Amino acid sequence: MNDTVVFYNGEQVSVPKEVAEFLEEDRKRAQAQARQDKRHLSRSEFETVLSSHMSAGRPLEQSVLWNLRLENLRKAVAELSAQEQELISLRYDGELSMEEIGKVFGISKMAVSKRLKKLHAKLRSSVT
């Protein structure tokens, strides 16, 4: 038999050559998807809502404004629907890809992207 040894979940496993090729292609596809997700809707897009206001030596006024924005963001997130909060949580707490989130919600990754963009705009308007 034409078996190949691969690492799966941290263990060496002997599998047929076709399975090894499939796993390698799947790994490459997942990496490409992660790069595409990062380009399409960067995680930093959400994080820069507030981080652009962070600086090491900011005066007291900037610190107060920062805290107000942060509190407004917390309130805005609390006012989101349970589904919207879950979407944000899966993306940023769970660090799931858009494709993975789409599987959870039963929607396409493009739909996930559009929902996240709407949420970003909604939350951004609450902190500015």
C-alpha atoms as a PDB file:
ATOM      1  CA  MET A   1       0.000   0.000   0.000  1.00  0.00           C
ATOM      2  CA  ASN A   2       1.133   3.571  -0.693  1.00  0.00           C
ATOM      3  CA  ASP A   3       0.749   5.152   2.772  1.00  0.00           C
ATOM      4  CA  THR A   4       2.161   8.493   3.804  1.00  0.00           C
ATOM      5  CA  VAL A   5       2.857   9.653   7.349  1.00  0.00           C
ATOM      6  CA  VAL A   6       1.240  12.989   8.262  1.00  0.00           C
ATOM      7  CA  PHE A   7       0.791  14.959  11.452  1.00  0.00           C
ATOM      8  CA  TYR A   8      -2.830  15.197  12.522  1.00  0.00           C
ATOM      9  CA  ASN A   9      -3.780  16.843  15.817  1.00  0.00           C
ATOM     10  CA  GLY A  10      -0.144  16.653  16.885  1.00  0.00           C
ATOM     11  CA  GLU A  11       0.237  12.936  16.211  1.00  0.00           C
ATOM     12  CA  GLN A  12       1.847  11.016  13.382  1.00  0.00           C
ATOM     13  CA  VAL A  13      -0.734   9.094  11.384  1.00  0.00           C
ATOM     14  CA  SER A  14      -0.249   6.795   8.428  1.00  0.00           C
ATOM     15  CA  VAL A  15      -2.780   7.527   5.671  1.00  0.00           C
ATOM     16  CA  PRO A  16      -3.148   6.730   1.972  1.00  0.00           C
ATOM     17  CA  LYS A  17      -1.331   9.110  -0.358  1.00  0.00           C
ATOM     18  CA  GLU A  18      -4.650  10.525  -1.639  1.00  0.00           C
ATOM     19  CA  VAL A  19      -5.734  11.432   1.894  1.00  0.00           C
ATOM     20  CA  ALA A  20      -2.385  13.083   2.594  1.00  0.00           C
ATOM     21  CA  GLU A  21      -2.709  15.129  -0.597  1.00  0.00           C
ATOM     22  CA  PHE A  22      -6.265  16.096   0.325  1.00  0.00           C
ATOM     23  CA  LEU A  23      -5.182  17.184   3.820  1.00  0.00           C
ATOM     24  CA  GLU A  24      -2.341  19.250   2.372  1.00  0.00           C
ATOM     25  CA  GLU A  25      -4.666  20.911  -0.136  1.00  0.00           C
ATOM     26  CA  ASP A  26      -7.165  21.583   2.648  1.00  0.00           C
ATOM     27  CA  ARG A  27      -4.430  23.151   4.783  1.00  0.00           C
ATOM     28  CA  LYS A  28      -3.365  25.375   1.891  1.00  0.00           C
ATOM     29  CA  ARG A  29      -6.988  26.320   1.208  1.00  0.00           C
ATOM     30  CA  ALA A  30      -7.496  27.253   4.866  1.00  0.00           C
ATOM     31  CA  GLN A  31      -4.356  29.412   4.823  1.00  0.00           C
ATOM     32  CA  ALA A  32      -5.455  31.125   1.614  1.00  0.00           C
ATOM     33  CA  GLN A  33      -8.909  31.704   3.094  1.00  0.00           C
ATOM     34  CA  ALA A  34      -7.392  33.230   6.218  1.00  0.00           C
ATOM     35  CA  ARG A  35      -5.289  35.590   4.096  1.00  0.00           C
ATOM     36  CA  GLN A  36      -8.326  36.515   2.010  1.00  0.00           C
ATOM     37  CA  ASP A  37     -10.438  37.140   5.109  1.00  0.00           C
ATOM     38  CA  LYS A  38      -7.694  39.313   6.524  1.00  0.00           C
ATOM     39  CA  ARG A  39      -7.510  41.352   3.331  1.00  0.00           C
ATOM     40  CA  HIS A  40     -11.263  41.544   2.900  1.00  0.00           C
ATOM     41  CA  LEU A  41     -12.229  42.656   6.363  1.00  0.00           C
ATOM     42  CA  SER A  42      -9.250  43.177   8.548  1.00  0.00           C
ATOM     43  CA  ARG A  43      -9.698  42.521  12.185  1.00  0.00           C
ATOM     44  CA  SER A  44      -7.897  45.805  12.756  1.00  0.00           C
ATOM     45  CA  GLU A  45     -10.762  47.650  11.069  1.00  0.00           C
ATOM     46  CA  PHE A  46     -12.861  47.021  14.144  1.00  0.00           C
ATOM     47  CA  GLU A  47     -10.049  47.533  16.605  1.00  0.00           C
ATOM     48  CA  THR A  48      -8.942  50.852  15.119  1.00  0.00           C
ATOM     49  CA  VAL A  49     -12.281  52.379  16.058  1.00  0.00           C
ATOM     50  CA  LEU A  50     -10.715  53.055  19.419  1.00  0.00           C
ATOM     51  CA  SER A  51      -7.026  52.243  19.115  1.00  0.00           C
ATOM     52  CA  SER A  52      -6.315  55.270  16.947  1.00  0.00           C
ATOM     53  CA  HIS A  53      -7.034  57.344  20.021  1.00  0.00           C
ATOM     54  CA  MET A  54      -4.507  55.508  22.166  1.00  0.00           C
ATOM     55  CA  SER A  55      -1.176  57.114  22.786  1.00  0.00           C
ATOM     56  CA  ALA A  56       1.325  56.719  25.594  1.00  0.00           C
ATOM     57  CA  GLY A  57       1.528  60.332  26.691  1.00  0.00           C
ATOM     58  CA  ARG A  58      -1.981  61.565  26.049  1.00  0.00           C
ATOM     59  CA  PRO A  59      -3.239  64.492  28.124  1.00  0.00           C
ATOM     60  CA  LEU A  60      -6.077  64.120  30.587  1.00  0.00           C
ATOM     61  CA  GLU A  61      -8.670  65.357  28.053  1.00  0.00           C
ATOM     62  CA  GLN A  62      -7.757  62.626  25.585  1.00  0.00           C
ATOM     63  CA  SER A  63      -7.898  60.048  28.343  1.00  0.00           C
ATOM     64  CA  VAL A  64     -11.387  61.198  29.313  1.00  0.00           C
ATOM     65  CA  LEU A  65     -12.517  61.114  25.677  1.00  0.00           C
ATOM     66  CA  TRP A  66     -11.040  57.638  25.313  1.00  0.00           C
ATOM     67  CA  ASN A  67     -12.978  56.397  28.323  1.00  0.00           C
ATOM     68  CA  LEU A  68     -16.204  57.974  27.049  1.00  0.00           C
ATOM     69  CA  ARG A  69     -15.761  56.311  23.658  1.00  0.00           C
ATOM     70  CA  LEU A  70     -15.039  52.993  25.315  1.00  0.00           C
ATOM     71  CA  GLU A  71     -18.158  53.285  27.478  1.00  0.00           C
ATOM     72  CA  ASN A  72     -20.233  54.243  24.434  1.00  0.00           C
ATOM     73  CA  LEU A  73     -18.876  51.214  22.592  1.00  0.00           C
ATOM     74  CA  ARG A  74     -19.761  48.935  25.506  1.00  0.00           C
ATOM     75  CA  LYS A  75     -23.298  50.331  25.574  1.00  0.00           C
ATOM     76  CA  ALA A  76     -23.632  49.977  21.805  1.00  0.00           C
ATOM     77  CA  VAL A  77     -22.499  46.338  21.930  1.00  0.00           C
ATOM     78  CA  ALA A  78     -24.950  45.670  24.777  1.00  0.00           C
ATOM     79  CA  GLU A  79     -27.770  47.073  22.620  1.00  0.00           C
ATOM     80  CA  LEU A  80     -27.003  44.728  19.718  1.00  0.00           C
ATOM     81  CA  SER A  81     -29.236  41.732  19.165  1.00  0.00           C
ATOM     82  CA  ALA A  82     -28.086  38.404  20.585  1.00  0.00           C
ATOM     83  CA  GLN A  83     -27.221  37.229  17.057  1.00  0.00           C
ATOM     84  CA  GLU A  84     -25.148  40.358  16.372  1.00  0.00           C
ATOM     85  CA  GLN A  85     -23.326  39.962  19.683  1.00  0.00           C
ATOM     86  CA  GLU A  86     -22.637  36.317  18.867  1.00  0.00           C
ATOM     87  CA  LEU A  87     -21.280  37.303  15.450  1.00  0.00           C
ATOM     88  CA  ILE A  88     -18.886  39.816  17.050  1.00  0.00           C
ATOM     89  CA  SER A  89     -17.916  37.282  19.705  1.00  0.00           C
ATOM     90  CA  LEU A  90     -17.188  34.512  17.214  1.00  0.00           C
ATOM     91  CA  ARG A  91     -15.064  36.796  15.056  1.00  0.00           C
ATOM     92  CA  TYR A  92     -13.057  38.564  17.749  1.00  0.00           C
ATOM     93  CA  ASP A  93     -13.216  36.389  20.867  1.00  0.00           C
ATOM     94  CA  GLY A  94     -13.366  33.043  19.093  1.00  0.00           C
ATOM     95  CA  GLU A  95     -11.159  34.257  16.237  1.00  0.00           C
ATOM     96  CA  LEU A  96     -13.174  32.221  13.731  1.00  0.00           C
ATOM     97  CA  SER A  97     -12.785  32.846  10.027  1.00  0.00           C
ATOM     98  CA  MET A  98     -15.708  34.232   8.091  1.00  0.00           C
ATOM     99  CA  GLU A  99     -16.179  30.851   6.471  1.00  0.00           C
ATOM    100  CA  GLU A 100     -16.375  29.183   9.892  1.00  0.00           C
ATOM    101  CA  ILE A 101     -18.839  31.791  11.161  1.00  0.00           C
ATOM    102  CA  GLY A 102     -20.905  31.272   8.015  1.00  0.00           C
ATOM    103  CA  LYS A 103     -21.173  27.583   8.839  1.00  0.00           C
ATOM    104  CA  VAL A 104     -22.365  28.420  12.360  1.00  0.00           C
ATOM    105  CA  PHE A 105     -25.056  30.770  11.042  1.00  0.00           C
ATOM    106  CA  GLY A 106     -25.805  28.811   7.876  1.00  0.00           C
ATOM    107  CA  ILE A 107     -24.882  31.733   5.607  1.00  0.00           C
ATOM    108  CA  SER A 108     -22.133  32.500   3.103  1.00  0.00           C
ATOM    109  CA  LYS A 109     -18.869  34.119   4.118  1.00  0.00           C
ATOM    110  CA  MET A 110     -19.866  37.122   2.000  1.00  0.00           C
ATOM    111  CA  ALA A 111     -23.020  37.492   4.096  1.00  0.00           C
ATOM    112  CA  VAL A 112     -20.881  37.306   7.233  1.00  0.00           C
ATOM    113  CA  SER A 113     -18.601  39.987   5.827  1.00  0.00           C
ATOM    114  CA  LYS A 114     -21.528  42.259   5.009  1.00  0.00           C
ATOM    115  CA  ARG A 115     -23.034  41.797   8.466  1.00  0.00           C
ATOM    116  CA  LEU A 116     -19.726  42.579  10.118  1.00  0.00           C
ATOM    117  CA  LYS A 117     -19.289  45.709   8.002  1.00  0.00           C
ATOM    118  CA  LYS A 118     -22.758  46.903   9.035  1.00  0.00           C
ATOM    119  CA  LEU A 119     -21.945  46.195  12.666  1.00  0.00           C
ATOM    120  CA  HIS A 120     -18.639  48.052  12.395  1.00  0.00           C
ATOM    121  CA  ALA A 121     -20.402  51.090  10.951  1.00  0.00           C
ATOM    122  CA  LYS A 122     -23.088  50.914  13.621  1.00  0.00           C
ATOM    123  CA  LEU A 123     -20.547  50.664  16.421  1.00  0.00           C
ATOM    124  CA  ARG A 124     -18.227  53.253  14.898  1.00  0.00           C
ATOM    125  CA  SER A 125     -21.058  55.789  14.812  1.00  0.00           C
ATOM    126  CA  SER A 126     -21.721  55.172  18.501  1.00  0.00           C
ATOM    127  CA  VAL A 127     -18.189  56.098  19.562  1.00  0.00           C
ATOM    128  CA  THR A 128     -17.515  59.140  17.400  1.00  0.00           C
END
